């Protein structure tokens, strides 16, 4: 007598394994090992008429390794993060922290100059404030209409034919 073995198939397991493999492949192609670059995360937030760009750069010496400049109508934030020295390379199981150089560029309106930009750094976050990026909305203003007094007549150039014949 033969014993029948019944197996259950997980229909989602294969799908998840395939998606996981595809995601890993995409990440490897986007950030190949040894390129010497990483892309720090950035938040751009409007604060009144200002814009604040916050860049995540933990482990970076901002005074030595980061530059913020305005050039050719763009805000350019660039720098580098040194690779952490490891005396025991064999013990590393996973290394996800990136090192190398980075460069982020943001287009600016024509009226924004370098004098409108200031940068601060606190606990791994570089905050770059660009003042007066958007002009404040001008509220409508009523103009008072006044009546002309006797003898006042507005000067109008190029009047109508009837105005010219009355001269």
N, C-alpha and C. Protein backbone atom coordinates (compact mmCIF):
# COMPACT_ATOMS: atom_id res chain seq x y z
N UNK A 1 0.85 -1.16 0.00
CA UNK A 1 0.00 0.00 0.00
C UNK A 1 0.90 1.22 0.00
N UNK A 2 0.66 2.14 -0.93
CA UNK A 2 1.46 3.36 -1.07
C UNK A 2 0.84 4.46 -0.24
N UNK A 3 1.69 5.25 0.36
CA UNK A 3 1.25 6.37 1.19
C UNK A 3 1.25 7.62 0.32
N UNK A 4 0.14 8.29 0.27
CA UNK A 4 0.02 9.52 -0.53
C UNK A 4 0.44 10.71 0.32
N UNK A 5 1.38 11.51 -0.18
CA UNK A 5 1.84 12.70 0.52
C UNK A 5 1.18 13.91 -0.13
N UNK A 6 0.53 14.67 0.68
CA UNK A 6 -0.18 15.84 0.17
C UNK A 6 0.62 17.09 0.53
N UNK A 7 0.94 17.92 -0.46
CA UNK A 7 1.66 19.16 -0.21
C UNK A 7 0.76 20.34 -0.52
N UNK A 8 0.91 21.38 0.27
CA UNK A 8 0.15 22.59 0.00
C UNK A 8 1.08 23.60 -0.65
N UNK A 9 0.56 24.32 -1.56
CA UNK A 9 1.35 25.30 -2.30
C UNK A 9 0.96 26.69 -1.84
N UNK A 10 1.96 27.51 -1.53
CA UNK A 10 1.73 28.89 -1.12
C UNK A 10 1.77 29.76 -2.37
N UNK A 11 0.62 30.22 -2.85
CA UNK A 11 0.62 30.98 -4.12
C UNK A 11 1.32 32.34 -4.00
N UNK A 12 1.41 32.89 -2.80
CA UNK A 12 2.03 34.20 -2.63
C UNK A 12 3.53 34.12 -2.38
N UNK A 13 4.01 32.99 -1.89
CA UNK A 13 5.43 32.84 -1.59
C UNK A 13 6.30 33.09 -2.81
N UNK A 14 5.94 32.48 -3.95
CA UNK A 14 6.73 32.65 -5.18
C UNK A 14 6.68 34.10 -5.65
N UNK A 15 5.51 34.73 -5.54
CA UNK A 15 5.37 36.12 -5.96
C UNK A 15 6.25 37.03 -5.12
N UNK A 16 6.24 36.83 -3.80
CA UNK A 16 7.06 37.66 -2.91
C UNK A 16 8.55 37.43 -3.16
N UNK A 17 8.94 36.18 -3.39
CA UNK A 17 10.35 35.91 -3.68
C UNK A 17 10.77 36.61 -4.98
N UNK A 18 9.90 36.59 -5.98
CA UNK A 18 10.20 37.25 -7.26
C UNK A 18 10.30 38.77 -7.08
N UNK A 19 9.35 39.36 -6.36
CA UNK A 19 9.38 40.81 -6.12
C UNK A 19 10.62 41.20 -5.32
N UNK A 20 10.98 40.40 -4.32
CA UNK A 20 12.15 40.68 -3.52
C UNK A 20 13.41 40.64 -4.38
N UNK A 21 13.51 39.66 -5.25
CA UNK A 21 14.66 39.55 -6.16
C UNK A 21 14.71 40.72 -7.13
N UNK A 22 13.56 41.10 -7.67
CA UNK A 22 13.51 42.24 -8.60
C UNK A 22 13.92 43.53 -7.91
N UNK A 23 13.46 43.72 -6.66
CA UNK A 23 13.81 44.93 -5.91
C UNK A 23 15.31 44.97 -5.65
N UNK A 24 15.87 43.86 -5.20
CA UNK A 24 17.32 43.82 -4.95
C UNK A 24 18.11 44.14 -6.22
N UNK A 25 17.67 43.60 -7.33
CA UNK A 25 18.35 43.85 -8.60
C UNK A 25 18.27 45.33 -8.98
N UNK A 26 17.11 45.95 -8.78
CA UNK A 26 16.93 47.37 -9.08
C UNK A 26 17.86 48.22 -8.22
N UNK A 27 17.94 47.92 -6.93
CA UNK A 27 18.81 48.67 -6.04
C UNK A 27 20.27 48.51 -6.44
N UNK A 28 20.68 47.31 -6.77
CA UNK A 28 22.08 47.09 -7.18
C UNK A 28 22.42 47.86 -8.45
N UNK A 29 21.47 47.92 -9.39
CA UNK A 29 21.72 48.68 -10.63
C UNK A 29 21.74 50.17 -10.36
N UNK A 30 20.91 50.65 -9.43
CA UNK A 30 20.84 52.07 -9.13
C UNK A 30 22.05 52.56 -8.36
N UNK A 31 22.56 51.74 -7.47
CA UNK A 31 23.69 52.10 -6.63
C UNK A 31 24.77 51.04 -6.72
N UNK A 32 25.44 50.94 -7.86
CA UNK A 32 26.45 49.90 -7.98
C UNK A 32 27.57 50.09 -6.98
N UNK A 33 28.10 48.98 -6.51
CA UNK A 33 29.18 49.03 -5.54
C UNK A 33 30.40 49.69 -6.15
N UNK A 34 31.05 50.51 -5.35
CA UNK A 34 32.30 51.11 -5.79
C UNK A 34 32.15 52.34 -6.67
N UNK A 35 30.94 52.90 -6.80
CA UNK A 35 30.80 54.10 -7.63
C UNK A 35 31.30 55.32 -6.91
N UNK A 36 31.44 55.25 -5.58
CA UNK A 36 31.93 56.40 -4.83
C UNK A 36 30.90 57.49 -4.70
N UNK A 37 29.63 57.15 -4.84
CA UNK A 37 28.57 58.15 -4.70
C UNK A 37 27.46 57.61 -3.83
N UNK A 38 26.81 58.53 -3.13
CA UNK A 38 25.58 58.20 -2.44
C UNK A 38 24.65 59.39 -2.60
N UNK A 39 23.37 59.16 -2.44
CA UNK A 39 22.38 60.21 -2.63
C UNK A 39 21.68 60.44 -1.30
N UNK A 40 22.02 61.54 -0.60
CA UNK A 40 21.37 61.78 0.69
C UNK A 40 19.89 62.15 0.48
N UNK A 41 19.07 61.72 1.41
CA UNK A 41 17.64 62.04 1.35
C UNK A 41 17.44 63.54 1.57
N UNK A 42 16.44 64.09 0.88
CA UNK A 42 16.17 65.53 0.94
C UNK A 42 14.68 65.76 1.14
N UNK A 43 14.35 66.72 2.01
CA UNK A 43 12.97 67.22 2.15
C UNK A 43 12.99 68.68 1.72
N UNK A 44 12.00 69.09 0.92
CA UNK A 44 11.87 70.49 0.52
C UNK A 44 10.50 70.95 1.01
N UNK A 45 10.51 71.99 1.87
CA UNK A 45 9.29 72.44 2.52
C UNK A 45 9.14 73.94 2.33
N UNK A 46 7.91 74.37 2.03
CA UNK A 46 7.62 75.80 1.92
C UNK A 46 7.32 76.33 3.31
N UNK A 47 7.93 77.47 3.66
CA UNK A 47 7.72 78.11 4.97
C UNK A 47 7.44 79.58 4.70
N UNK A 48 6.17 79.93 4.54
CA UNK A 48 5.80 81.30 4.16
C UNK A 48 6.27 81.55 2.74
N UNK A 49 7.09 82.60 2.56
CA UNK A 49 7.63 82.89 1.23
C UNK A 49 9.00 82.23 1.03
N UNK A 50 9.48 81.53 2.07
CA UNK A 50 10.77 80.84 2.01
C UNK A 50 10.59 79.38 1.62
N UNK A 51 11.69 78.76 1.21
CA UNK A 51 11.74 77.33 1.01
C UNK A 51 12.91 76.81 1.84
N UNK A 52 12.68 75.72 2.57
CA UNK A 52 13.73 75.12 3.38
C UNK A 52 14.04 73.73 2.81
N UNK A 53 15.30 73.53 2.46
CA UNK A 53 15.78 72.24 1.96
C UNK A 53 16.53 71.58 3.11
N UNK A 54 16.09 70.39 3.52
CA UNK A 54 16.76 69.66 4.59
C UNK A 54 17.40 68.41 3.99
N UNK A 55 18.71 68.28 4.20
CA UNK A 55 19.47 67.18 3.63
C UNK A 55 20.00 66.30 4.76
N UNK A 56 19.76 64.99 4.67
CA UNK A 56 20.26 64.06 5.68
C UNK A 56 21.71 63.72 5.36
N UNK A 57 22.63 64.20 6.20
CA UNK A 57 24.05 63.92 6.00
C UNK A 57 24.73 63.54 7.32
N UNK A 58 24.24 62.49 7.99
CA UNK A 58 24.89 62.09 9.23
C UNK A 58 26.30 61.57 8.94
N UNK A 59 27.20 61.82 9.87
CA UNK A 59 28.55 61.33 9.70
C UNK A 59 29.40 62.16 8.77
N UNK A 60 28.91 63.34 8.37
CA UNK A 60 29.65 64.22 7.47
C UNK A 60 30.15 65.41 8.26
N UNK A 61 31.39 65.78 8.07
CA UNK A 61 31.94 66.98 8.67
C UNK A 61 31.56 68.15 7.76
N UNK A 62 30.46 68.84 8.07
CA UNK A 62 29.93 69.85 7.16
C UNK A 62 30.88 71.02 6.95
N UNK A 63 31.68 71.34 7.95
CA UNK A 63 32.60 72.47 7.78
C UNK A 63 33.69 72.16 6.77
N UNK A 64 34.12 70.91 6.69
CA UNK A 64 35.18 70.52 5.76
C UNK A 64 34.65 69.90 4.47
N UNK A 65 33.57 69.13 4.56
CA UNK A 65 33.19 68.26 3.45
C UNK A 65 31.90 68.62 2.72
N UNK A 66 31.29 69.77 3.03
CA UNK A 66 30.03 70.14 2.37
C UNK A 66 30.14 71.56 1.84
N UNK A 67 29.64 71.75 0.63
CA UNK A 67 29.57 73.09 0.03
C UNK A 67 28.13 73.39 -0.37
N UNK A 68 27.70 74.61 -0.07
CA UNK A 68 26.39 75.10 -0.49
C UNK A 68 26.65 76.35 -1.29
N UNK A 69 26.18 76.37 -2.54
CA UNK A 69 26.43 77.54 -3.38
C UNK A 69 25.25 77.80 -4.32
N UNK A 70 25.19 79.04 -4.78
CA UNK A 70 24.22 79.43 -5.79
C UNK A 70 25.02 79.73 -7.04
N UNK A 71 24.73 79.00 -8.12
CA UNK A 71 25.46 79.18 -9.37
C UNK A 71 24.53 78.92 -10.54
N UNK A 72 24.54 79.84 -11.50
CA UNK A 72 23.77 79.70 -12.74
C UNK A 72 22.30 79.37 -12.49
N UNK A 73 21.70 80.08 -11.53
CA UNK A 73 20.27 79.91 -11.26
C UNK A 73 19.92 78.64 -10.52
N UNK A 74 20.91 78.01 -9.88
CA UNK A 74 20.65 76.77 -9.15
C UNK A 74 21.26 76.83 -7.76
N UNK A 75 20.58 76.18 -6.81
CA UNK A 75 21.13 75.93 -5.50
C UNK A 75 21.84 74.59 -5.61
N UNK A 76 23.14 74.56 -5.32
CA UNK A 76 23.94 73.34 -5.44
C UNK A 76 24.47 72.97 -4.05
N UNK A 77 24.13 71.76 -3.62
CA UNK A 77 24.62 71.23 -2.35
C UNK A 77 25.46 70.01 -2.69
N UNK A 78 26.75 70.07 -2.35
CA UNK A 78 27.63 68.96 -2.69
C UNK A 78 28.57 68.67 -1.53
N UNK A 79 29.16 67.50 -1.56
CA UNK A 79 30.09 67.13 -0.51
C UNK A 79 30.49 65.69 -0.60
N UNK A 80 31.04 65.20 0.50
CA UNK A 80 31.45 63.80 0.53
C UNK A 80 31.38 63.28 1.95
N UNK A 81 31.24 61.98 2.04
CA UNK A 81 31.26 61.30 3.33
C UNK A 81 32.33 60.23 3.24
N UNK A 82 33.28 60.29 4.17
CA UNK A 82 34.39 59.34 4.17
C UNK A 82 33.90 57.96 4.58
N UNK A 83 34.52 56.95 4.01
CA UNK A 83 34.19 55.59 4.38
C UNK A 83 34.72 55.32 5.77
N UNK A 84 33.93 54.65 6.55
CA UNK A 84 34.36 54.33 7.91
C UNK A 84 35.49 53.32 7.85
N UNK A 85 36.56 53.64 8.54
CA UNK A 85 37.69 52.72 8.58
C UNK A 85 37.34 51.53 9.46
N UNK A 86 37.66 50.36 8.98
CA UNK A 86 37.36 49.16 9.74
C UNK A 86 38.62 48.32 9.82
N UNK A 87 39.07 48.07 11.06
CA UNK A 87 40.28 47.28 11.22
C UNK A 87 39.99 45.80 11.00
N UNK A 88 38.74 45.39 11.16
CA UNK A 88 38.39 43.98 11.02
C UNK A 88 37.36 43.85 9.89
N UNK A 89 37.82 43.96 8.67
CA UNK A 89 36.94 43.89 7.49
C UNK A 89 36.24 42.54 7.40
N UNK A 90 36.86 41.50 7.89
CA UNK A 90 36.27 40.16 7.82
C UNK A 90 34.99 40.05 8.64
N UNK A 91 34.87 40.84 9.71
CA UNK A 91 33.72 40.74 10.59
C UNK A 91 32.48 41.43 10.06
N UNK A 92 32.58 42.17 8.96
CA UNK A 92 31.44 42.90 8.43
C UNK A 92 30.49 41.91 7.76
N UNK A 93 29.27 41.86 8.23
CA UNK A 93 28.28 40.98 7.63
C UNK A 93 27.43 41.73 6.61
N UNK A 94 27.02 42.94 6.97
CA UNK A 94 26.21 43.77 6.07
C UNK A 94 26.69 45.20 6.22
N UNK A 95 26.90 45.89 5.12
CA UNK A 95 27.26 47.30 5.17
C UNK A 95 26.30 48.04 4.23
N UNK A 96 25.36 48.77 4.83
CA UNK A 96 24.39 49.52 4.04
C UNK A 96 24.68 51.01 4.02
N UNK A 97 25.56 51.48 4.89
CA UNK A 97 25.88 52.90 4.89
C UNK A 97 26.72 53.22 3.66
N UNK A 98 26.40 54.31 3.03
CA UNK A 98 27.07 54.72 1.80
C UNK A 98 28.13 55.76 2.11
N UNK A 99 29.17 55.74 1.31
CA UNK A 99 30.20 56.76 1.42
C UNK A 99 30.54 57.21 0.02
N UNK A 100 31.24 58.32 -0.06
CA UNK A 100 31.61 58.86 -1.37
C UNK A 100 31.11 60.28 -1.51
N UNK A 101 31.05 60.73 -2.74
CA UNK A 101 30.64 62.12 -2.99
C UNK A 101 29.16 62.18 -3.34
N UNK A 102 28.58 63.38 -3.16
CA UNK A 102 27.19 63.61 -3.54
C UNK A 102 27.05 65.01 -4.09
N UNK A 103 26.00 65.21 -4.85
CA UNK A 103 25.68 66.53 -5.43
C UNK A 103 24.18 66.57 -5.67
N UNK A 104 23.54 67.57 -5.10
CA UNK A 104 22.10 67.79 -5.33
C UNK A 104 21.92 69.20 -5.86
N UNK A 105 21.08 69.37 -6.88
CA UNK A 105 20.85 70.67 -7.49
C UNK A 105 19.36 70.98 -7.50
N UNK A 106 19.03 72.25 -7.26
CA UNK A 106 17.64 72.71 -7.24
C UNK A 106 17.56 74.01 -8.02
N UNK A 107 16.66 74.10 -8.98
CA UNK A 107 16.49 75.33 -9.76
C UNK A 107 15.89 76.42 -8.89
N UNK A 108 16.35 77.64 -9.11
CA UNK A 108 15.87 78.80 -8.36
C UNK A 108 15.20 79.80 -9.29
N UNK A 109 14.24 80.57 -8.79
CA UNK A 109 13.67 81.65 -9.59
C UNK A 109 14.75 82.69 -9.90
N UNK A 110 14.56 83.45 -10.96
CA UNK A 110 15.56 84.43 -11.42
C UNK A 110 15.92 85.46 -10.36
N UNK A 111 14.96 85.87 -9.53
CA UNK A 111 15.21 86.95 -8.57
C UNK A 111 15.98 86.49 -7.33
N UNK A 112 16.20 85.19 -7.14
CA UNK A 112 16.89 84.69 -5.96
C UNK A 112 18.40 84.74 -6.18
N UNK A 113 19.11 85.33 -5.22
CA UNK A 113 20.57 85.44 -5.29
C UNK A 113 21.19 84.71 -4.10
N UNK A 114 22.51 84.63 -4.08
CA UNK A 114 23.21 83.96 -2.99
C UNK A 114 22.94 84.64 -1.65
N UNK A 115 22.66 85.94 -1.66
CA UNK A 115 22.36 86.66 -0.42
C UNK A 115 21.06 86.18 0.22
N UNK A 116 20.23 85.48 -0.54
CA UNK A 116 18.95 84.98 -0.03
C UNK A 116 19.07 83.61 0.62
N UNK A 117 20.29 83.05 0.66
CA UNK A 117 20.47 81.67 1.11
C UNK A 117 21.29 81.64 2.40
N UNK A 118 20.83 80.83 3.36
CA UNK A 118 21.60 80.61 4.58
C UNK A 118 21.51 79.13 4.94
N UNK A 119 22.57 78.60 5.56
CA UNK A 119 22.61 77.17 5.88
C UNK A 119 23.01 76.96 7.33
N UNK A 120 22.37 75.97 7.97
CA UNK A 120 22.71 75.57 9.33
C UNK A 120 22.78 74.05 9.38
N UNK A 121 23.46 73.53 10.39
CA UNK A 121 23.61 72.08 10.53
C UNK A 121 23.34 71.71 11.98
N UNK A 122 22.53 70.66 12.18
CA UNK A 122 22.23 70.20 13.53
C UNK A 122 21.90 68.72 13.51
N UNK A 123 22.66 67.94 14.25
CA UNK A 123 22.42 66.51 14.46
C UNK A 123 22.20 65.72 13.17
N UNK A 124 23.09 65.88 12.22
CA UNK A 124 23.02 65.10 10.99
C UNK A 124 22.13 65.67 9.91
N UNK A 125 21.50 66.83 10.16
CA UNK A 125 20.62 67.46 9.18
C UNK A 125 21.16 68.82 8.77
N UNK A 126 21.35 68.99 7.48
CA UNK A 126 21.75 70.27 6.91
C UNK A 126 20.47 70.98 6.47
N UNK A 127 20.23 72.18 7.03
CA UNK A 127 19.03 72.96 6.69
C UNK A 127 19.47 74.16 5.85
N UNK A 128 18.96 74.27 4.63
CA UNK A 128 19.29 75.39 3.76
C UNK A 128 18.00 76.17 3.52
N UNK A 129 17.98 77.41 4.02
CA UNK A 129 16.80 78.28 3.86
C UNK A 129 17.05 79.23 2.70
N UNK A 130 16.11 79.25 1.76
CA UNK A 130 16.16 80.18 0.64
C UNK A 130 15.02 81.17 0.86
N UNK A 131 15.38 82.41 1.20
CA UNK A 131 14.39 83.43 1.54
C UNK A 131 13.71 84.00 0.29
N UNK A 132 12.46 84.32 0.45
CA UNK A 132 11.65 85.01 -0.55
C UNK A 132 11.67 84.34 -1.92
N UNK A 133 11.49 83.02 -1.92
CA UNK A 133 11.42 82.29 -3.19
C UNK A 133 10.13 82.64 -3.92
N UNK A 134 9.03 82.64 -3.18
CA UNK A 134 7.77 83.03 -3.80
C UNK A 134 7.40 84.40 -3.27
N UNK A 135 7.00 85.25 -4.17
CA UNK A 135 6.63 86.60 -3.77
C UNK A 135 5.29 86.55 -3.04
N UNK A 136 5.15 87.37 -1.98
CA UNK A 136 3.88 87.34 -1.26
C UNK A 136 2.74 87.82 -2.15
N UNK A 137 1.59 87.25 -1.93
CA UNK A 137 0.41 87.61 -2.71
C UNK A 137 0.03 89.05 -2.37
N UNK A 138 -0.11 89.87 -3.39
CA UNK A 138 -0.49 91.26 -3.19
C UNK A 138 -2.01 91.31 -3.07
N UNK A 139 -2.45 91.83 -1.94
CA UNK A 139 -3.88 91.93 -1.70
C UNK A 139 -4.46 93.06 -2.56
N UNK A 140 -5.68 92.86 -3.07
CA UNK A 140 -6.30 93.93 -3.86
C UNK A 140 -6.53 95.16 -3.00
N UNK A 141 -6.39 96.31 -3.61
CA UNK A 141 -6.56 97.56 -2.89
C UNK A 141 -7.52 98.45 -3.67
N UNK A 142 -8.51 98.98 -2.99
CA UNK A 142 -9.48 99.86 -3.65
C UNK A 142 -8.86 101.23 -3.87
N UNK A 143 -9.12 101.78 -5.02
CA UNK A 143 -8.66 103.12 -5.38
C UNK A 143 -9.87 104.04 -5.32
N UNK A 144 -9.72 105.12 -4.58
CA UNK A 144 -10.82 106.06 -4.43
C UNK A 144 -11.00 106.84 -5.72
N UNK A 145 -12.22 106.96 -6.16
CA UNK A 145 -12.54 107.74 -7.36
C UNK A 145 -13.07 109.08 -6.88
N UNK A 146 -12.45 110.17 -7.36
CA UNK A 146 -12.90 111.49 -6.93
C UNK A 146 -13.50 112.21 -8.14
N UNK A 147 -14.40 113.06 -7.85
CA UNK A 147 -15.03 113.86 -8.91
C UNK A 147 -14.15 115.04 -9.27
N UNK A 148 -14.24 115.52 -10.52
CA UNK A 148 -13.47 116.67 -10.98
C UNK A 148 -14.14 117.95 -10.50
N UNK A 149 -13.32 118.92 -10.17
CA UNK A 149 -13.86 120.21 -9.77
C UNK A 149 -14.07 121.04 -11.03
N UNK A 150 -14.80 122.13 -10.90
CA UNK A 150 -15.06 123.00 -12.05
C UNK A 150 -13.73 123.50 -12.59
N UNK A 151 -13.55 123.46 -13.86
CA UNK A 151 -12.34 123.93 -14.50
C UNK A 151 -11.29 122.85 -14.70
N UNK A 152 -11.44 121.72 -14.02
CA UNK A 152 -10.49 120.63 -14.24
C UNK A 152 -10.98 119.78 -15.40
N UNK A 153 -10.09 119.48 -16.25
CA UNK A 153 -10.44 118.59 -17.35
C UNK A 153 -9.24 117.68 -17.58
N UNK A 154 -9.45 116.38 -17.62
CA UNK A 154 -8.31 115.49 -17.81
C UNK A 154 -7.70 115.68 -19.19
N UNK A 155 -6.38 115.64 -19.26
CA UNK A 155 -5.68 115.76 -20.54
C UNK A 155 -5.71 114.42 -21.22
N UNK A 156 -6.27 114.41 -22.43
CA UNK A 156 -6.36 113.18 -23.21
C UNK A 156 -5.72 113.44 -24.54
N UNK A 157 -4.70 112.68 -24.87
CA UNK A 157 -4.06 112.82 -26.17
C UNK A 157 -4.80 111.99 -27.18
N UNK A 158 -4.76 112.45 -28.44
CA UNK A 158 -5.37 111.68 -29.52
C UNK A 158 -6.86 111.53 -29.34
N UNK A 159 -7.52 112.60 -28.99
CA UNK A 159 -8.96 112.56 -28.76
C UNK A 159 -9.72 112.20 -30.02
N UNK A 160 -11.06 112.19 -29.94
CA UNK A 160 -11.91 111.82 -31.07
C UNK A 160 -12.04 113.00 -32.03
N UNK A 161 -12.59 112.77 -33.19
CA UNK A 161 -12.78 113.80 -34.20
C UNK A 161 -13.65 114.91 -33.68
N UNK A 162 -14.66 114.59 -32.89
CA UNK A 162 -15.56 115.63 -32.37
C UNK A 162 -14.80 116.54 -31.42
N UNK A 163 -13.81 116.00 -30.68
CA UNK A 163 -13.00 116.83 -29.80
C UNK A 163 -12.16 117.79 -30.62
N UNK A 164 -11.64 117.33 -31.76
CA UNK A 164 -10.77 118.16 -32.59
C UNK A 164 -11.57 119.26 -33.30
N UNK A 165 -12.80 118.97 -33.71
CA UNK A 165 -13.58 119.96 -34.43
C UNK A 165 -14.06 121.06 -33.51
N UNK A 166 -14.12 120.82 -32.22
CA UNK A 166 -14.55 121.82 -31.27
C UNK A 166 -13.46 122.82 -30.94
N UNK A 167 -12.27 122.65 -31.44
CA UNK A 167 -11.18 123.56 -31.11
C UNK A 167 -11.28 124.82 -31.87
